[in-house]
Amino acid sequence: MEGVSLFTLLLLVWAALTVVLVGLWIYRAIIGMQEEDQIFLDRAEAALEQNQIETLRRINRLDPILKGFAIASGGLLLILGAVWLYQGLYVAPTL
């Protein structure tokens, strides 16, 4: 990878990470559409209660993963900004 700079490599990693993050957000939104804030059921609708419990379990399992990807994407964006600033200030441009 002789022609690839550190900035380009970091940018590609950040882009891939952010695409995964957006995909997970979309997936969580799709799951969350099935979630009810309040639900009133009688005994005959016990299967709906189980469906809500399963939906909440999937959302709760996905939330820490989303938070980790968001922190990683934000941190990598800060690193990208620092590398860009460093290259702009200290690295001589090549013509």
PDB file of N, CA and C in Angstrom:
ATOM      1  N   MET A   1       0.832  -1.179   0.000  1.00  0.00           N
ATOM      2  CA  MET A   1       0.000   0.000   0.000  1.00  0.00           C
ATOM      3  C   MET A   1       0.879   1.245   0.000  1.00  0.00           C
ATOM      4  N   GLU A   2       1.667   1.342  -1.017  1.00  0.00           N
ATOM      5  CA  GLU A   2       2.647   2.419  -1.100  1.00  0.00           C
ATOM      6  C   GLU A   2       2.003   3.777  -1.343  1.00  0.00           C
ATOM      7  N   GLY A   3       0.950   3.840  -2.161  1.00  0.00           N
ATOM      8  CA  GLY A   3       0.366   5.119  -2.521  1.00  0.00           C
ATOM      9  C   GLY A   3      -0.721   5.606  -1.571  1.00  0.00           C
ATOM     10  N   VAL A   4      -1.057   4.822  -0.560  1.00  0.00           N
ATOM     11  CA  VAL A   4      -2.137   5.186   0.342  1.00  0.00           C
ATOM     12  C   VAL A   4      -1.567   5.897   1.564  1.00  0.00           C
ATOM     13  N   SER A   5      -2.061   7.088   1.831  1.00  0.00           N
ATOM     14  CA  SER A   5      -1.582   7.839   2.994  1.00  0.00           C
ATOM     15  C   SER A   5      -2.343   7.409   4.243  1.00  0.00           C
ATOM     16  N   LEU A   6      -1.841   7.820   5.379  1.00  0.00           N
ATOM     17  CA  LEU A   6      -2.481   7.524   6.654  1.00  0.00           C
ATOM     18  C   LEU A   6      -3.880   8.143   6.696  1.00  0.00           C
ATOM     19  N   PHE A   7      -4.003   9.344   6.190  1.00  0.00           N
ATOM     20  CA  PHE A   7      -5.288  10.027   6.183  1.00  0.00           C
ATOM     21  C   PHE A   7      -6.320   9.254   5.361  1.00  0.00           C
ATOM     22  N   THR A   8      -5.924   8.786   4.186  1.00  0.00           N
ATOM     23  CA  THR A   8      -6.837   8.035   3.326  1.00  0.00           C
ATOM     24  C   THR A   8      -7.254   6.729   3.978  1.00  0.00           C
ATOM     25  N   LEU A   9      -6.319   6.046   4.598  1.00  0.00           N
ATOM     26  CA  LEU A   9      -6.622   4.792   5.272  1.00  0.00           C
ATOM     27  C   LEU A   9      -7.591   5.023   6.430  1.00  0.00           C
ATOM     28  N   LEU A  10      -7.341   6.044   7.245  1.00  0.00           N
ATOM     29  CA  LEU A  10      -8.245   6.365   8.347  1.00  0.00           C
ATOM     30  C   LEU A  10      -9.626   6.767   7.843  1.00  0.00           C
ATOM     31  N   LEU A  11      -9.655   7.492   6.739  1.00  0.00           N
ATOM     32  CA  LEU A  11     -10.928   7.907   6.161  1.00  0.00           C
ATOM     33  C   LEU A  11     -11.745   6.703   5.690  1.00  0.00           C
ATOM     34  N   LEU A  12     -11.085   5.728   5.089  1.00  0.00           N
ATOM     35  CA  LEU A  12     -11.783   4.521   4.641  1.00  0.00           C
ATOM     36  C   LEU A  12     -12.311   3.716   5.822  1.00  0.00           C
ATOM     37  N   VAL A  13     -11.512   3.595   6.876  1.00  0.00           N
ATOM     38  CA  VAL A  13     -11.948   2.865   8.069  1.00  0.00           C
ATOM     39  C   VAL A  13     -13.126   3.588   8.716  1.00  0.00           C
ATOM     40  N   TRP A  14     -13.042   4.914   8.806  1.00  0.00           N
ATOM     41  CA  TRP A  14     -14.130   5.687   9.398  1.00  0.00           C
ATOM     42  C   TRP A  14     -15.411   5.538   8.570  1.00  0.00           C
ATOM     43  N   ALA A  15     -15.287   5.581   7.245  1.00  0.00           N
ATOM     44  CA  ALA A  15     -16.457   5.453   6.375  1.00  0.00           C
ATOM     45  C   ALA A  15     -17.117   4.087   6.558  1.00  0.00           C
ATOM     46  N   ALA A  16     -16.322   3.033   6.619  1.00  0.00           N
ATOM     47  CA  ALA A  16     -16.877   1.692   6.812  1.00  0.00           C
ATOM     48  C   ALA A  16     -17.570   1.582   8.172  1.00  0.00           C
ATOM     49  N   LEU A  17     -16.943   2.117   9.190  1.00  0.00           N
ATOM     50  CA  LEU A  17     -17.509   2.094  10.540  1.00  0.00           C
ATOM     51  C   LEU A  17     -18.824   2.874  10.591  1.00  0.00           C
ATOM     52  N   THR A  18     -18.868   3.988   9.928  1.00  0.00           N
ATOM     53  CA  THR A  18     -20.068   4.819   9.932  1.00  0.00           C
ATOM     54  C   THR A  18     -21.197   4.166   9.135  1.00  0.00           C
ATOM     55  N   VAL A  19     -20.871   3.474   8.059  1.00  0.00           N
ATOM     56  CA  VAL A  19     -21.893   2.755   7.285  1.00  0.00           C
ATOM     57  C   VAL A  19     -22.514   1.658   8.153  1.00  0.00           C
ATOM     58  N   VAL A  20     -21.694   0.938   8.900  1.00  0.00           N
ATOM     59  CA  VAL A  20     -22.212  -0.090   9.809  1.00  0.00           C
ATOM     60  C   VAL A  20     -23.082   0.553  10.884  1.00  0.00           C
ATOM     61  N   LEU A  21     -22.650   1.683  11.418  1.00  0.00           N
ATOM     62  CA  LEU A  21     -23.414   2.392  12.439  1.00  0.00           C
ATOM     63  C   LEU A  21     -24.786   2.818  11.911  1.00  0.00           C
ATOM     64  N   VAL A  22     -24.840   3.373  10.736  1.00  0.00           N
ATOM     65  CA  VAL A  22     -26.118   3.798  10.153  1.00  0.00           C
ATOM     66  C   VAL A  22     -27.012   2.582   9.903  1.00  0.00           C
ATOM     67  N   GLY A  23     -26.422   1.499   9.444  1.00  0.00           N
ATOM     68  CA  GLY A  23     -27.196   0.269   9.244  1.00  0.00           C
ATOM     69  C   GLY A  23     -27.790  -0.249  10.539  1.00  0.00           C
ATOM     70  N   LEU A  24     -27.023  -0.207  11.614  1.00  0.00           N
ATOM     71  CA  LEU A  24     -27.532  -0.635  12.912  1.00  0.00           C
ATOM     72  C   LEU A  24     -28.629   0.296  13.415  1.00  0.00           C
ATOM     73  N   TRP A  25     -28.484   1.601  13.180  1.00  0.00           N
ATOM     74  CA  TRP A  25     -29.540   2.545  13.564  1.00  0.00           C
ATOM     75  C   TRP A  25     -30.843   2.250  12.817  1.00  0.00           C
ATOM     76  N   ILE A  26     -30.722   1.963  11.541  1.00  0.00           N
ATOM     77  CA  ILE A  26     -31.913   1.637  10.749  1.00  0.00           C
ATOM     78  C   ILE A  26     -32.546   0.350  11.265  1.00  0.00           C
ATOM     79  N   TYR A  27     -31.727  -0.651  11.561  1.00  0.00           N
ATOM     80  CA  TYR A  27     -32.225  -1.918  12.087  1.00  0.00           C
ATOM     81  C   TYR A  27     -32.939  -1.704  13.422  1.00  0.00           C
ATOM     82  N   ARG A  28     -32.355  -0.863  14.294  1.00  0.00           N
ATOM     83  CA  ARG A  28     -32.987  -0.595  15.586  1.00  0.00           C
ATOM     84  C   ARG A  28     -34.308   0.150  15.401  1.00  0.00           C
ATOM     85  N   ALA A  29     -34.374   1.050  14.444  1.00  0.00           N
ATOM     86  CA  ALA A  29     -35.613   1.772  14.177  1.00  0.00           C
ATOM     87  C   ALA A  29     -36.703   0.827  13.683  1.00  0.00           C
ATOM     88  N   ILE A  30     -36.321  -0.134  12.871  1.00  0.00           N
ATOM     89  CA  ILE A  30     -37.290  -1.113  12.380  1.00  0.00           C
ATOM     90  C   ILE A  30     -37.797  -1.976  13.531  1.00  0.00           C
ATOM     91  N   ILE A  31     -36.891  -2.407  14.394  1.00  0.00           N
ATOM     92  CA  ILE A  31     -37.304  -3.188  15.565  1.00  0.00           C
ATOM     93  C   ILE A  31     -38.171  -2.333  16.483  1.00  0.00           C
ATOM     94  N   GLY A  32     -37.783  -1.079  16.680  1.00  0.00           N
ATOM     95  CA  GLY A  32     -38.492  -0.193  17.585  1.00  0.00           C
ATOM     96  C   GLY A  32     -39.896   0.146  17.134  1.00  0.00           C
ATOM     97  N   MET A  33     -40.200  -0.016  15.847  1.00  0.00           N
ATOM     98  CA  MET A  33     -41.558   0.251  15.375  1.00  0.00           C
ATOM     99  C   MET A  33     -42.548  -0.736  15.979  1.00  0.00           C
ATOM    100  N   GLN A  34     -42.074  -1.907  16.384  1.00  0.00           N
ATOM    101  CA  GLN A  34     -42.944  -2.919  16.970  1.00  0.00           C
ATOM    102  C   GLN A  34     -43.140  -2.709  18.466  1.00  0.00           C
ATOM    103  N   GLU A  35     -42.346  -1.816  19.055  1.00  0.00           N
ATOM    104  CA  GLU A  35     -42.397  -1.609  20.498  1.00  0.00           C
ATOM    105  C   GLU A  35     -43.547  -0.671  20.861  1.00  0.00           C
ATOM    106  N   GLU A  36     -44.232  -1.006  21.916  1.00  0.00           N
ATOM    107  CA  GLU A  36     -45.312  -0.171  22.430  1.00  0.00           C
ATOM    108  C   GLU A  36     -44.873   0.434  23.757  1.00  0.00           C
ATOM    109  N   ASP A  37     -45.218   1.702  23.976  1.00  0.00           N
ATOM    110  CA  ASP A  37     -44.898   2.342  25.248  1.00  0.00           C
ATOM    111  C   ASP A  37     -45.752   1.784  26.378  1.00  0.00           C
ATOM    112  N   GLN A  38     -47.018   1.616  26.095  1.00  0.00           N
ATOM    113  CA  GLN A  38     -47.958   1.090  27.069  1.00  0.00           C
ATOM    114  C   GLN A  38     -48.854   0.100  26.359  1.00  0.00           C
ATOM    115  N   ILE A  39     -49.087  -1.014  27.003  1.00  0.00           N
ATOM    116  CA  ILE A  39     -49.919  -2.025  26.374  1.00  0.00           C
ATOM    117  C   ILE A  39     -50.826  -2.634  27.440  1.00  0.00           C
ATOM    118  N   PHE A  40     -52.095  -2.750  27.118  1.00  0.00           N
ATOM    119  CA  PHE A  40     -53.087  -3.310  28.034  1.00  0.00           C
ATOM    120  C   PHE A  40     -53.619  -4.589  27.396  1.00  0.00           C
ATOM    121  N   LEU A  41     -53.360  -5.705  28.048  1.00  0.00           N
ATOM    122  CA  LEU A  41     -53.725  -6.998  27.493  1.00  0.00           C
ATOM    123  C   LEU A  41     -54.538  -7.791  28.507  1.00  0.00           C
ATOM    124  N   ASP A  42     -55.398  -8.632  27.975  1.00  0.00           N
ATOM    125  CA  ASP A  42     -56.068  -9.586  28.851  1.00  0.00           C
ATOM    126  C   ASP A  42     -55.370 -10.935  28.714  1.00  0.00           C
ATOM    127  N   ARG A  43     -55.875 -11.921  29.376  1.00  0.00           N
ATOM    128  CA  ARG A  43     -55.201 -13.234  29.384  1.00  0.00           C
ATOM    129  C   ARG A  43     -55.168 -13.878  28.003  1.00  0.00           C
ATOM    130  N   ALA A  44     -56.111 -13.577  27.174  1.00  0.00           N
ATOM    131  CA  ALA A  44     -56.166 -14.185  25.843  1.00  0.00           C
ATOM    132  C   ALA A  44     -55.062 -13.638  24.929  1.00  0.00           C
ATOM    133  N   GLU A  45     -54.497 -12.498  25.278  1.00  0.00           N
ATOM    134  CA  GLU A  45     -53.483 -11.877  24.429  1.00  0.00           C
ATOM    135  C   GLU A  45     -52.081 -12.010  25.022  1.00  0.00           C
ATOM    136  N   ALA A  46     -51.822 -13.097  25.692  1.00  0.00           N
ATOM    137  CA  ALA A  46     -50.525 -13.315  26.330  1.00  0.00           C
ATOM    138  C   ALA A  46     -49.401 -13.435  25.297  1.00  0.00           C
ATOM    139  N   ALA A  47     -49.722 -13.878  24.100  1.00  0.00           N
ATOM    140  CA  ALA A  47     -48.702 -14.000  23.051  1.00  0.00           C
ATOM    141  C   ALA A  47     -48.185 -12.620  22.643  1.00  0.00           C
ATOM    142  N   LEU A  48     -49.037 -11.609  22.692  1.00  0.00           N
ATOM    143  CA  LEU A  48     -48.595 -10.253  22.371  1.00  0.00           C
ATOM    144  C   LEU A  48     -47.637  -9.728  23.428  1.00  0.00           C
ATOM    145  N   GLU A  49     -47.874 -10.101  24.680  1.00  0.00           N
ATOM    146  CA  GLU A  49     -46.956  -9.699  25.748  1.00  0.00           C
ATOM    147  C   GLU A  49     -45.581 -10.321  25.526  1.00  0.00           C
ATOM    148  N   GLN A  50     -45.557 -11.585  25.142  1.00  0.00           N
ATOM    149  CA  GLN A  50     -44.284 -12.258  24.868  1.00  0.00           C
ATOM    150  C   GLN A  50     -43.573 -11.599  23.692  1.00  0.00           C
ATOM    151  N   ASN A  51     -44.322 -11.156  22.698  1.00  0.00           N
ATOM    152  CA  ASN A  51     -43.745 -10.464  21.547  1.00  0.00           C
ATOM    153  C   ASN A  51     -43.099  -9.145  21.985  1.00  0.00           C
ATOM    154  N   GLN A  52     -43.751  -8.407  22.884  1.00  0.00           N
ATOM    155  CA  GLN A  52     -43.193  -7.157  23.384  1.00  0.00           C
ATOM    156  C   GLN A  52     -41.938  -7.391  24.213  1.00  0.00           C
ATOM    157  N   ILE A  53     -41.936  -8.442  25.016  1.00  0.00           N
ATOM    158  CA  ILE A  53     -40.755  -8.781  25.820  1.00  0.00           C
ATOM    159  C   ILE A  53     -39.582  -9.118  24.903  1.00  0.00           C
ATOM    160  N   GLU A  54     -39.844  -9.869  23.852  1.00  0.00           N
ATOM    161  CA  GLU A  54     -38.793 -10.233  22.895  1.00  0.00           C
ATOM    162  C   GLU A  54     -38.256  -8.991  22.173  1.00  0.00           C
ATOM    163  N   THR A  55     -39.154  -8.082  21.800  1.00  0.00           N
ATOM    164  CA  THR A  55     -38.733  -6.848  21.132  1.00  0.00           C
ATOM    165  C   THR A  55     -37.845  -6.016  22.048  1.00  0.00           C
ATOM    166  N   LEU A  56     -38.241  -5.861  23.300  1.00  0.00           N
ATOM    167  CA  LEU A  56     -37.438  -5.110  24.265  1.00  0.00           C
ATOM    168  C   LEU A  56     -36.082  -5.766  24.500  1.00  0.00           C
ATOM    169  N   ARG A  57     -36.057  -7.086  24.539  1.00  0.00           N
ATOM    170  CA  ARG A  57     -34.791  -7.802  24.729  1.00  0.00           C
ATOM    171  C   ARG A  57     -33.847  -7.550  23.553  1.00  0.00           C
ATOM    172  N   ARG A  58     -34.379  -7.550  22.335  1.00  0.00           N
ATOM    173  CA  ARG A  58     -33.539  -7.299  21.158  1.00  0.00           C
ATOM    174  C   ARG A  58     -33.018  -5.871  21.146  1.00  0.00           C
ATOM    175  N   ILE A  59     -33.862  -4.919  21.523  1.00  0.00           N
ATOM    176  CA  ILE A  59     -33.432  -3.519  21.564  1.00  0.00           C
ATOM    177  C   ILE A  59     -32.367  -3.323  22.640  1.00  0.00           C
ATOM    178  N   ASN A  60     -32.589  -3.894  23.812  1.00  0.00           N
ATOM    179  CA  ASN A  60     -31.617  -3.747  24.902  1.00  0.00           C
ATOM    180  C   ASN A  60     -30.288  -4.412  24.582  1.00  0.00           C
ATOM    181  N   ARG A  61     -30.309  -5.462  23.797  1.00  0.00           N
ATOM    182  CA  ARG A  61     -29.066  -6.116  23.383  1.00  0.00           C
ATOM    183  C   ARG A  61     -28.336  -5.302  22.316  1.00  0.00           C
ATOM    184  N   LEU A  62     -29.075  -4.572  21.509  1.00  0.00           N
ATOM    185  CA  LEU A  62     -28.493  -3.799  20.421  1.00  0.00           C
ATOM    186  C   LEU A  62     -27.956  -2.439  20.872  1.00  0.00           C
ATOM    187  N   ASP A  63     -28.531  -1.864  21.911  1.00  0.00           N
ATOM    188  CA  ASP A  63     -28.142  -0.517  22.351  1.00  0.00           C
ATOM    189  C   ASP A  63     -26.666  -0.372  22.720  1.00  0.00           C
ATOM    190  N   PRO A  64     -26.054  -1.286  23.495  1.00  0.00           N
ATOM    191  CA  PRO A  64     -24.620  -1.110  23.788  1.00  0.00           C
ATOM    192  C   PRO A  64     -23.734  -1.216  22.546  1.00  0.00           C
ATOM    193  N   ILE A  65     -24.134  -2.039  21.602  1.00  0.00           N
ATOM    194  CA  ILE A  65     -23.372  -2.162  20.354  1.00  0.00           C
ATOM    195  C   ILE A  65     -23.435  -0.853  19.579  1.00  0.00           C
ATOM    196  N   LEU A  66     -24.629  -0.273  19.509  1.00  0.00           N
ATOM    197  CA  LEU A  66     -24.796   1.020  18.842  1.00  0.00           C
ATOM    198  C   LEU A  66     -23.964   2.096  19.512  1.00  0.00           C
ATOM    199  N   LYS A  67     -23.974   2.110  20.837  1.00  0.00           N
ATOM    200  CA  LYS A  67     -23.211   3.113  21.572  1.00  0.00           C
ATOM    201  C   LYS A  67     -21.714   2.952  21.303  1.00  0.00           C
ATOM    202  N   GLY A  68     -21.234   1.719  21.252  1.00  0.00           N
ATOM    203  CA  GLY A  68     -19.824   1.469  20.966  1.00  0.00           C
ATOM    204  C   GLY A  68     -19.425   1.926  19.578  1.00  0.00           C
ATOM    205  N   PHE A  69     -20.264   1.622  18.583  1.00  0.00           N
ATOM    206  CA  PHE A  69     -19.970   2.063  17.219  1.00  0.00           C
ATOM    207  C   PHE A  69     -20.014   3.583  17.110  1.00  0.00           C
ATOM    208  N   ALA A  70     -20.953   4.230  17.817  1.00  0.00           N
ATOM    209  CA  ALA A  70     -21.041   5.689  17.767  1.00  0.00           C
ATOM    210  C   ALA A  70     -19.809   6.331  18.397  1.00  0.00           C
ATOM    211  N   ILE A  71     -19.350   5.794  19.524  1.00  0.00           N
ATOM    212  CA  ILE A  71     -18.147   6.325  20.172  1.00  0.00           C
ATOM    213  C   ILE A  71     -16.929   6.110  19.286  1.00  0.00           C
ATOM    214  N   ALA A  72     -16.821   4.924  18.694  1.00  0.00           N
ATOM    215  CA  ALA A  72     -15.683   4.632  17.818  1.00  0.00           C
ATOM    216  C   ALA A  72     -15.692   5.534  16.582  1.00  0.00           C
ATOM    217  N   SER A  73     -16.855   5.756  16.002  1.00  0.00           N
ATOM    218  CA  SER A  73     -16.952   6.617  14.824  1.00  0.00           C
ATOM    219  C   SER A  73     -16.596   8.057  15.179  1.00  0.00           C
ATOM    220  N   GLY A  74     -17.101   8.546  16.293  1.00  0.00           N
ATOM    221  CA  GLY A  74     -16.776   9.908  16.723  1.00  0.00           C
ATOM    222  C   GLY A  74     -15.305  10.072  17.054  1.00  0.00           C
ATOM    223  N   GLY A  75     -14.727   9.089  17.751  1.00  0.00           N
ATOM    224  CA  GLY A  75     -13.307   9.148  18.077  1.00  0.00           C
ATOM    225  C   GLY A  75     -12.438   9.125  16.838  1.00  0.00           C
ATOM    226  N   LEU A  76     -12.799   8.285  15.891  1.00  0.00           N
ATOM    227  CA  LEU A  76     -12.032   8.213  14.652  1.00  0.00           C
ATOM    228  C   LEU A  76     -12.174   9.499  13.844  1.00  0.00           C
ATOM    229  N   LEU A  77     -13.332  10.133  13.924  1.00  0.00           N
ATOM    230  CA  LEU A  77     -13.510  11.418  13.246  1.00  0.00           C
ATOM    231  C   LEU A  77     -12.613  12.490  13.875  1.00  0.00           C
ATOM    232  N   LEU A  78     -12.477  12.473  15.198  1.00  0.00           N
ATOM    233  CA  LEU A  78     -11.563  13.405  15.855  1.00  0.00           C
ATOM    234  C   LEU A  78     -10.115  13.141  15.455  1.00  0.00           C
ATOM    235  N   ILE A  79      -9.735  11.881  15.372  1.00  0.00           N
ATOM    236  CA  ILE A  79      -8.378  11.526  14.949  1.00  0.00           C
ATOM    237  C   ILE A  79      -8.144  11.981  13.506  1.00  0.00           C
ATOM    238  N   LEU A  80      -9.157  11.784  12.653  1.00  0.00           N
ATOM    239  CA  LEU A  80      -9.051  12.249  11.266  1.00  0.00           C
ATOM    240  C   LEU A  80      -8.833  13.757  11.212  1.00  0.00           C
ATOM    241  N   GLY A  81      -9.561  14.489  12.021  1.00  0.00           N
ATOM    242  CA  GLY A  81      -9.386  15.935  12.062  1.00  0.00           C
ATOM    243  C   GLY A  81      -7.998  16.329  12.521  1.00  0.00           C
ATOM    244  N   ALA A  82      -7.467  15.619  13.517  1.00  0.00           N
ATOM    245  CA  ALA A  82      -6.124  15.914  14.012  1.00  0.00           C
ATOM    246  C   ALA A  82      -5.065  15.610  12.957  1.00  0.00           C
ATOM    247  N   VAL A  83      -5.210  14.487  12.249  1.00  0.00           N
ATOM    248  CA  VAL A  83      -4.255  14.138  11.189  1.00  0.00           C
ATOM    249  C   VAL A  83      -4.334  15.154  10.057  1.00  0.00           C
ATOM    250  N   TRP A  84      -5.535  15.559   9.689  1.00  0.00           N
ATOM    251  CA  TRP A  84      -5.704  16.547   8.624  1.00  0.00           C
ATOM    252  C   TRP A  84      -5.066  17.877   9.020  1.00  0.00           C
ATOM    253  N   LEU A  85      -5.282  18.286  10.261  1.00  0.00           N
ATOM    254  CA  LEU A  85      -4.698  19.530  10.745  1.00  0.00           C
ATOM    255  C   LEU A  85      -3.174  19.440  10.794  1.00  0.00           C
ATOM    256  N   TYR A  86      -2.644  18.312  11.272  1.00  0.00           N
ATOM    257  CA  TYR A  86      -1.198  18.116  11.337  1.00  0.00           C
ATOM    258  C   TYR A  86      -0.581  18.169   9.945  1.00  0.00           C
ATOM    259  N   GLN A  87      -1.208  17.469   9.009  1.00  0.00           N
ATOM    260  CA  GLN A  87      -0.680  17.465   7.644  1.00  0.00           C
ATOM    261  C   GLN A  87      -0.756  18.856   7.026  1.00  0.00           C
ATOM    262  N   GLY A  88      -1.778  19.606   7.331  1.00  0.00           N
ATOM    263  CA  GLY A  88      -1.903  20.948   6.794  1.00  0.00           C
ATOM    264  C   GLY A  88      -0.899  21.923   7.376  1.00  0.00           C
ATOM    265  N   LEU A  89      -0.533  21.713   8.631  1.00  0.00           N
ATOM    266  CA  LEU A  89       0.374  22.651   9.287  1.00  0.00           C
ATOM    267  C   LEU A  89       1.858  22.280   9.156  1.00  0.00           C
ATOM    268  N   TYR A  90       2.163  20.982   9.226  1.00  0.00           N
ATOM    269  CA  TYR A  90       3.569  20.587   9.356  1.00  0.00           C
ATOM    270  C   TYR A  90       4.127  19.821   8.174  1.00  0.00           C
ATOM    271  N   VAL A  91       3.328  19.215   7.380  1.00  0.00           N
ATOM    272  CA  VAL A  91       3.850  18.437   6.260  1.00  0.00           C
ATOM    273  C   VAL A  91       3.871  19.332   5.025  1.00  0.00           C
ATOM    274  N   ALA A  92       5.038  19.404   4.387  1.00  0.00           N
ATOM    275  CA  ALA A  92       5.201  20.249   3.201  1.00  0.00           C
ATOM    276  C   ALA A  92       4.418  19.643   2.045  1.00  0.00           C
ATOM    277  N   PRO A  93       3.667  20.453   1.332  1.00  0.00           N
ATOM    278  CA  PRO A  93       2.930  19.929   0.183  1.00  0.00           C
ATOM    279  C   PRO A  93       3.874  19.490  -0.933  1.00  0.00           C
ATOM    280  N   THR A  94       3.534  18.395  -1.569  1.00  0.00           N
ATOM    281  CA  THR A  94       4.339  17.895  -2.680  1.00  0.00           C
ATOM    282  C   THR A  94       3.686  18.313  -3.982  1.00  0.00           C
ATOM    283  N   LEU A  95       4.469  18.781  -4.895  1.00  0.00           N
ATOM    284  CA  LEU A  95       3.950  19.218  -6.197  1.00  0.00           C
ATOM    285  C   LEU A  95       4.286  18.255  -7.273  1.00  0.00           C
TER     286      LEU A  95
END
